[in-house]
Amino acid sequence: MRTTLALDDDVLAAARSLAARQHKSVGEVISALARQSLRREAPISATRNGVPLLQVGAGAKPVTLELVNQLRDES
């Protein structure tokens, strides 16, 4: 599919350079980069009481007062 995009000069130069290194067309490179970007999940920015919350990995355990005391006593 053909379309017209307005790209900044530095973005076009980077895409041309990448295309030359990969022996692909600029269109193929830009399409691949767009697909890659669209597949990523947007980070969820949550706050509580004005403080940003960090995302927790799968299987992470909560930090309890007991854990804090145990770690404090170990040092």
PDB file of N, CA and C in Angstrom:
ATOM      1  N   MET A   1       0.847  -1.175   0.000  1.00  0.00           N
ATOM      2  CA  MET A   1       0.000   0.000   0.000  1.00  0.00           C
ATOM      3  C   MET A   1       0.891   1.235   0.000  1.00  0.00           C
ATOM      4  N   ARG A   2       0.524   2.192  -0.773  1.00  0.00           N
ATOM      5  CA  ARG A   2       1.301   3.424  -0.850  1.00  0.00           C
ATOM      6  C   ARG A   2       0.618   4.506  -0.027  1.00  0.00           C
ATOM      7  N   THR A   3       1.440   5.294   0.655  1.00  0.00           N
ATOM      8  CA  THR A   3       0.926   6.431   1.409  1.00  0.00           C
ATOM      9  C   THR A   3       2.041   7.458   1.517  1.00  0.00           C
ATOM     10  N   THR A   4       1.704   8.642   1.911  1.00  0.00           N
ATOM     11  CA  THR A   4       2.695   9.700   2.080  1.00  0.00           C
ATOM     12  C   THR A   4       2.814  10.018   3.558  1.00  0.00           C
ATOM     13  N   LEU A   5       4.047  10.043   4.038  1.00  0.00           N
ATOM     14  CA  LEU A   5       4.320  10.378   5.433  1.00  0.00           C
ATOM     15  C   LEU A   5       5.223  11.596   5.490  1.00  0.00           C
ATOM     16  N   ALA A   6       5.042  12.414   6.484  1.00  0.00           N
ATOM     17  CA  ALA A   6       5.946  13.533   6.738  1.00  0.00           C
ATOM     18  C   ALA A   6       6.902  13.091   7.844  1.00  0.00           C
ATOM     19  N   LEU A   7       8.147  12.819   7.469  1.00  0.00           N
ATOM     20  CA  LEU A   7       9.154  12.361   8.428  1.00  0.00           C
ATOM     21  C   LEU A   7      10.193  13.449   8.639  1.00  0.00           C
ATOM     22  N   ASP A   8      10.664  13.573   9.852  1.00  0.00           N
ATOM     23  CA  ASP A   8      11.773  14.482  10.116  1.00  0.00           C
ATOM     24  C   ASP A   8      13.011  13.977   9.380  1.00  0.00           C
ATOM     25  N   ASP A   9      13.885  14.908   9.013  1.00  0.00           N
ATOM     26  CA  ASP A   9      15.079  14.552   8.240  1.00  0.00           C
ATOM     27  C   ASP A   9      15.940  13.512   8.945  1.00  0.00           C
ATOM     28  N   ASP A  10      16.101  13.663  10.261  1.00  0.00           N
ATOM     29  CA  ASP A  10      16.954  12.719  10.993  1.00  0.00           C
ATOM     30  C   ASP A  10      16.336  11.320  11.038  1.00  0.00           C
ATOM     31  N   VAL A  11      15.008  11.243  11.094  1.00  0.00           N
ATOM     32  CA  VAL A  11      14.328   9.946  11.111  1.00  0.00           C
ATOM     33  C   VAL A  11      14.494   9.256   9.762  1.00  0.00           C
ATOM     34  N   LEU A  12      14.326  10.004   8.689  1.00  0.00           N
ATOM     35  CA  LEU A  12      14.496   9.441   7.351  1.00  0.00           C
ATOM     36  C   LEU A  12      15.937   8.988   7.136  1.00  0.00           C
ATOM     37  N   ALA A  13      16.890   9.778   7.592  1.00  0.00           N
ATOM     38  CA  ALA A  13      18.299   9.398   7.448  1.00  0.00           C
ATOM     39  C   ALA A  13      18.594   8.115   8.213  1.00  0.00           C
ATOM     40  N   ALA A  14      18.049   7.987   9.423  1.00  0.00           N
ATOM     41  CA  ALA A  14      18.263   6.775  10.220  1.00  0.00           C
ATOM     42  C   ALA A  14      17.607   5.573   9.547  1.00  0.00           C
ATOM     43  N   ALA A  15      16.424   5.757   8.993  1.00  0.00           N
ATOM     44  CA  ALA A  15      15.729   4.663   8.307  1.00  0.00           C
ATOM     45  C   ALA A  15      16.493   4.248   7.055  1.00  0.00           C
ATOM     46  N   ARG A  16      17.026   5.209   6.317  1.00  0.00           N
ATOM     47  CA  ARG A  16      17.826   4.886   5.120  1.00  0.00           C
ATOM     48  C   ARG A  16      19.082   4.118   5.499  1.00  0.00           C
ATOM     49  N   SER A  17      19.729   4.556   6.563  1.00  0.00           N
ATOM     50  CA  SER A  17      20.943   3.878   7.017  1.00  0.00           C
ATOM     51  C   SER A  17      20.644   2.442   7.436  1.00  0.00           C
ATOM     52  N   LEU A  18      19.579   2.266   8.192  1.00  0.00           N
ATOM     53  CA  LEU A  18      19.179   0.931   8.635  1.00  0.00           C
ATOM     54  C   LEU A  18      18.802   0.055   7.442  1.00  0.00           C
ATOM     55  N   ALA A  19      18.101   0.631   6.482  1.00  0.00           N
ATOM     56  CA  ALA A  19      17.703  -0.112   5.286  1.00  0.00           C
ATOM     57  C   ALA A  19      18.930  -0.573   4.502  1.00  0.00           C
ATOM     58  N   ALA A  20      19.925   0.284   4.384  1.00  0.00           N
ATOM     59  CA  ALA A  20      21.144  -0.086   3.659  1.00  0.00           C
ATOM     60  C   ALA A  20      21.873  -1.222   4.363  1.00  0.00           C
ATOM     61  N   ARG A  21      21.949  -1.153   5.691  1.00  0.00           N
ATOM     62  CA  ARG A  21      22.636  -2.214   6.451  1.00  0.00           C
ATOM     63  C   ARG A  21      21.903  -3.540   6.357  1.00  0.00           C
ATOM     64  N   GLN A  22      20.576  -3.486   6.295  1.00  0.00           N
ATOM     65  CA  GLN A  22      19.770  -4.712   6.262  1.00  0.00           C
ATOM     66  C   GLN A  22      19.446  -5.165   4.839  1.00  0.00           C
ATOM     67  N   HIS A  23      19.908  -4.407   3.839  1.00  0.00           N
ATOM     68  CA  HIS A  23      19.621  -4.711   2.429  1.00  0.00           C
ATOM     69  C   HIS A  23      18.115  -4.807   2.191  1.00  0.00           C
ATOM     70  N   LYS A  24      17.401  -3.824   2.729  1.00  0.00           N
ATOM     71  CA  LYS A  24      15.947  -3.742   2.574  1.00  0.00           C
ATOM     72  C   LYS A  24      15.594  -2.352   2.069  1.00  0.00           C
ATOM     73  N   SER A  25      14.342  -2.189   1.669  1.00  0.00           N
ATOM     74  CA  SER A  25      13.884  -0.859   1.264  1.00  0.00           C
ATOM     75  C   SER A  25      13.556  -0.035   2.509  1.00  0.00           C
ATOM     76  N   VAL A  26      13.533   1.279   2.327  1.00  0.00           N
ATOM     77  CA  VAL A  26      13.182   2.162   3.442  1.00  0.00           C
ATOM     78  C   VAL A  26      11.759   1.859   3.911  1.00  0.00           C
ATOM     79  N   GLY A  27      10.861   1.591   2.978  1.00  0.00           N
ATOM     80  CA  GLY A  27       9.478   1.263   3.340  1.00  0.00           C
ATOM     81  C   GLY A  27       9.379   0.016   4.194  1.00  0.00           C
ATOM     82  N   GLU A  28      10.171  -1.013   3.836  1.00  0.00           N
ATOM     83  CA  GLU A  28      10.164  -2.252   4.627  1.00  0.00           C
ATOM     84  C   GLU A  28      10.663  -1.998   6.043  1.00  0.00           C
ATOM     85  N   VAL A  29      11.708  -1.192   6.162  1.00  0.00           N
ATOM     86  CA  VAL A  29      12.276  -0.893   7.482  1.00  0.00           C
ATOM     87  C   VAL A  29      11.285  -0.105   8.325  1.00  0.00           C
ATOM     88  N   ILE A  30      10.677   0.914   7.740  1.00  0.00           N
ATOM     89  CA  ILE A  30       9.718   1.726   8.498  1.00  0.00           C
ATOM     90  C   ILE A  30       8.498   0.893   8.881  1.00  0.00           C
ATOM     91  N   SER A  31       8.037   0.019   7.993  1.00  0.00           N
ATOM     92  CA  SER A  31       6.904  -0.860   8.324  1.00  0.00           C
ATOM     93  C   SER A  31       7.249  -1.785   9.483  1.00  0.00           C
ATOM     94  N   ALA A  32       8.451  -2.370   9.448  1.00  0.00           N
ATOM     95  CA  ALA A  32       8.868  -3.273  10.525  1.00  0.00           C
ATOM     96  C   ALA A  32       8.971  -2.533  11.854  1.00  0.00           C
ATOM     97  N   LEU A  33       9.533  -1.327  11.823  1.00  0.00           N
ATOM     98  CA  LEU A  33       9.652  -0.543  13.058  1.00  0.00           C
ATOM     99  C   LEU A  33       8.279  -0.149  13.595  1.00  0.00           C
ATOM    100  N   ALA A  34       7.358   0.200  12.708  1.00  0.00           N
ATOM    101  CA  ALA A  34       6.003   0.556  13.142  1.00  0.00           C
ATOM    102  C   ALA A  34       5.305  -0.646  13.756  1.00  0.00           C
ATOM    103  N   ARG A  35       5.430  -1.820  13.109  1.00  0.00           N
ATOM    104  CA  ARG A  35       4.817  -3.042  13.670  1.00  0.00           C
ATOM    105  C   ARG A  35       5.374  -3.344  15.053  1.00  0.00           C
ATOM    106  N   GLN A  36       6.693  -3.261  15.169  1.00  0.00           N
ATOM    107  CA  GLN A  36       7.351  -3.547  16.448  1.00  0.00           C
ATOM    108  C   GLN A  36       6.847  -2.597  17.531  1.00  0.00           C
ATOM    109  N   SER A  37       6.726  -1.346  17.205  1.00  0.00           N
ATOM    110  CA  SER A  37       6.264  -0.357  18.180  1.00  0.00           C
ATOM    111  C   SER A  37       4.803  -0.574  18.549  1.00  0.00           C
ATOM    112  N   LEU A  38       3.981  -0.940  17.580  1.00  0.00           N
ATOM    113  CA  LEU A  38       2.553  -1.136  17.845  1.00  0.00           C
ATOM    114  C   LEU A  38       2.276  -2.392  18.651  1.00  0.00           C
ATOM    115  N   ARG A  39       3.173  -3.374  18.586  1.00  0.00           N
ATOM    116  CA  ARG A  39       2.981  -4.615  19.353  1.00  0.00           C
ATOM    117  C   ARG A  39       3.285  -4.429  20.832  1.00  0.00           C
ATOM    118  N   ARG A  40       4.127  -3.484  21.146  1.00  0.00           N
ATOM    119  CA  ARG A  40       4.487  -3.256  22.553  1.00  0.00           C
ATOM    120  C   ARG A  40       3.295  -2.714  23.315  1.00  0.00           C
ATOM    121  N   GLU A  41       3.186  -3.158  24.540  1.00  0.00           N
ATOM    122  CA  GLU A  41       2.133  -2.623  25.400  1.00  0.00           C
ATOM    123  C   GLU A  41       2.581  -1.280  25.946  1.00  0.00           C
ATOM    124  N   ALA A  42       1.682  -0.354  25.943  1.00  0.00           N
ATOM    125  CA  ALA A  42       1.990   0.953  26.509  1.00  0.00           C
ATOM    126  C   ALA A  42       2.118   0.815  28.021  1.00  0.00           C
ATOM    127  N   PRO A  43       3.163   1.397  28.590  1.00  0.00           N
ATOM    128  CA  PRO A  43       3.306   1.299  30.039  1.00  0.00           C
ATOM    129  C   PRO A  43       2.165   2.030  30.748  1.00  0.00           C
ATOM    130  N   ILE A  44       1.661   1.400  31.768  1.00  0.00           N
ATOM    131  CA  ILE A  44       0.586   1.996  32.553  1.00  0.00           C
ATOM    132  C   ILE A  44       1.231   2.842  33.643  1.00  0.00           C
ATOM    133  N   SER A  45       0.927   4.109  33.618  1.00  0.00           N
ATOM    134  CA  SER A  45       1.500   5.015  34.600  1.00  0.00           C
ATOM    135  C   SER A  45       0.463   5.256  35.688  1.00  0.00           C
ATOM    136  N   ALA A  46       0.625   4.563  36.800  1.00  0.00           N
ATOM    137  CA  ALA A  46      -0.320   4.700  37.905  1.00  0.00           C
ATOM    138  C   ALA A  46       0.346   5.454  39.050  1.00  0.00           C
ATOM    139  N   THR A  47      -0.440   6.214  39.748  1.00  0.00           N
ATOM    140  CA  THR A  47       0.062   6.928  40.920  1.00  0.00           C
ATOM    141  C   THR A  47      -0.894   6.705  42.078  1.00  0.00           C
ATOM    142  N   ARG A  48      -0.340   6.801  43.259  1.00  0.00           N
ATOM    143  CA  ARG A  48      -1.149   6.741  44.472  1.00  0.00           C
ATOM    144  C   ARG A  48      -0.644   7.846  45.379  1.00  0.00           C
ATOM    145  N   ASN A  49      -1.539   8.727  45.763  1.00  0.00           N
ATOM    146  CA  ASN A  49      -1.190   9.878  46.597  1.00  0.00           C
ATOM    147  C   ASN A  49      -0.073  10.702  45.965  1.00  0.00           C
ATOM    148  N   GLY A  50      -0.087  10.783  44.626  1.00  0.00           N
ATOM    149  CA  GLY A  50       0.902  11.579  43.914  1.00  0.00           C
ATOM    150  C   GLY A  50       2.243  10.901  43.711  1.00  0.00           C
ATOM    151  N   VAL A  51       2.393   9.662  44.175  1.00  0.00           N
ATOM    152  CA  VAL A  51       3.653   8.930  44.047  1.00  0.00           C
ATOM    153  C   VAL A  51       3.498   7.893  42.940  1.00  0.00           C
ATOM    154  N   PRO A  52       4.422   7.880  41.955  1.00  0.00           N
ATOM    155  CA  PRO A  52       4.302   6.876  40.897  1.00  0.00           C
ATOM    156  C   PRO A  52       4.487   5.470  41.441  1.00  0.00           C
ATOM    157  N   LEU A  53       3.647   4.547  40.973  1.00  0.00           N
ATOM    158  CA  LEU A  53       3.740   3.154  41.390  1.00  0.00           C
ATOM    159  C   LEU A  53       4.586   2.383  40.390  1.00  0.00           C
ATOM    160  N   LEU A  54       5.371   1.451  40.872  1.00  0.00           N
ATOM    161  CA  LEU A  54       6.204   0.615  40.020  1.00  0.00           C
ATOM    162  C   LEU A  54       5.439  -0.643  39.648  1.00  0.00           C
ATOM    163  N   GLN A  55       5.657  -1.123  38.429  1.00  0.00           N
ATOM    164  CA  GLN A  55       5.022  -2.369  38.026  1.00  0.00           C
ATOM    165  C   GLN A  55       5.750  -3.532  38.682  1.00  0.00           C
ATOM    166  N   VAL A  56       4.996  -4.542  39.052  1.00  0.00           N
ATOM    167  CA  VAL A  56       5.538  -5.701  39.754  1.00  0.00           C
ATOM    168  C   VAL A  56       5.555  -6.879  38.797  1.00  0.00           C
ATOM    169  N   GLY A  57       6.648  -7.628  38.824  1.00  0.00           N
ATOM    170  CA  GLY A  57       6.762  -8.804  37.972  1.00  0.00           C
ATOM    171  C   GLY A  57       5.876  -9.933  38.461  1.00  0.00           C
ATOM    172  N   ALA A  58       5.624 -10.875  37.565  1.00  0.00           N
ATOM    173  CA  ALA A  58       4.802 -12.033  37.909  1.00  0.00           C
ATOM    174  C   ALA A  58       5.476 -12.834  39.017  1.00  0.00           C
ATOM    175  N   GLY A  59       4.724 -13.243  39.996  1.00  0.00           N
ATOM    176  CA  GLY A  59       5.253 -14.051  41.091  1.00  0.00           C
ATOM    177  C   GLY A  59       5.951 -13.248  42.172  1.00  0.00           C
ATOM    178  N   ALA A  60       5.921 -11.937  42.080  1.00  0.00           N
ATOM    179  CA  ALA A  60       6.567 -11.105  43.099  1.00  0.00           C
ATOM    180  C   ALA A  60       5.782 -11.185  44.402  1.00  0.00           C
ATOM    181  N   LYS A  61       6.506 -11.192  45.498  1.00  0.00           N
ATOM    182  CA  LYS A  61       5.864 -11.257  46.810  1.00  0.00           C
ATOM    183  C   LYS A  61       5.781  -9.852  47.396  1.00  0.00           C
ATOM    184  N   PRO A  62       4.736  -9.576  48.165  1.00  0.00           N
ATOM    185  CA  PRO A  62       4.617  -8.248  48.766  1.00  0.00           C
ATOM    186  C   PRO A  62       5.666  -8.042  49.855  1.00  0.00           C
ATOM    187  N   VAL A  63       6.047  -6.797  50.033  1.00  0.00           N
ATOM    188  CA  VAL A  63       6.976  -6.450  51.108  1.00  0.00           C
ATOM    189  C   VAL A  63       6.152  -6.258  52.370  1.00  0.00           C
ATOM    190  N   THR A  64       6.421  -7.082  53.357  1.00  0.00           N
ATOM    191  CA  THR A  64       5.683  -7.017  54.619  1.00  0.00           C
ATOM    192  C   THR A  64       6.578  -6.421  55.695  1.00  0.00           C
ATOM    193  N   LEU A  65       5.965  -6.030  56.796  1.00  0.00           N
ATOM    194  CA  LEU A  65       6.728  -5.512  57.927  1.00  0.00           C
ATOM    195  C   LEU A  65       7.695  -6.573  58.445  1.00  0.00           C
ATOM    196  N   GLU A  66       7.261  -7.822  58.431  1.00  0.00           N
ATOM    197  CA  GLU A  66       8.131  -8.907  58.889  1.00  0.00           C
ATOM    198  C   GLU A  66       9.369  -9.023  58.008  1.00  0.00           C
ATOM    199  N   LEU A  67       9.191  -8.912  56.697  1.00  0.00           N
ATOM    200  CA  LEU A  67      10.328  -8.990  55.778  1.00  0.00           C
ATOM    201  C   LEU A  67      11.278  -7.819  55.997  1.00  0.00           C
ATOM    202  N   VAL A  68      10.733  -6.637  56.174  1.00  0.00           N
ATOM    203  CA  VAL A  68      11.569  -5.462  56.429  1.00  0.00           C
ATOM    204  C   VAL A  68      12.372  -5.662  57.709  1.00  0.00           C
ATOM    205  N   ASN A  69      11.719  -6.131  58.775  1.00  0.00           N
ATOM    206  CA  ASN A  69      12.426  -6.369  60.042  1.00  0.00           C
ATOM    207  C   ASN A  69      13.497  -7.440  59.886  1.00  0.00           C
ATOM    208  N   GLN A  70      13.193  -8.502  59.150  1.00  0.00           N
ATOM    209  CA  GLN A  70      14.167  -9.571  58.929  1.00  0.00           C
ATOM    210  C   GLN A  70      15.391  -9.040  58.186  1.00  0.00           C
ATOM    211  N   LEU A  71      15.170  -8.277  57.143  1.00  0.00           N
ATOM    212  CA  LEU A  71      16.287  -7.728  56.373  1.00  0.00           C
ATOM    213  C   LEU A  71      17.086  -6.726  57.198  1.00  0.00           C
ATOM    214  N   ARG A  72      16.400  -5.942  58.016  1.00  0.00           N
ATOM    215  CA  ARG A  72      17.085  -4.981  58.876  1.00  0.00           C
ATOM    216  C   ARG A  72      17.968  -5.702  59.884  1.00  0.00           C
ATOM    217  N   ASP A  73      17.457  -6.795  60.462  1.00  0.00           N
ATOM    218  CA  ASP A  73      18.206  -7.534  61.476  1.00  0.00           C
ATOM    219  C   ASP A  73      19.410  -8.258  60.885  1.00  0.00           C
ATOM    220  N   GLU A  74      19.359  -8.602  59.591  1.00  0.00           N
ATOM    221  CA  GLU A  74      20.467  -9.302  58.949  1.00  0.00           C
ATOM    222  C   GLU A  74      21.659  -8.393  58.707  1.00  0.00           C
ATOM    223  N   SER A  75      21.448  -7.112  58.629  1.00  0.00           N
ATOM    224  CA  SER A  75      22.567  -6.219  58.297  1.00  0.00           C
ATOM    225  C   SER A  75      23.304  -5.720  59.505  1.00  0.00           C
TER     226      SER A  75
END
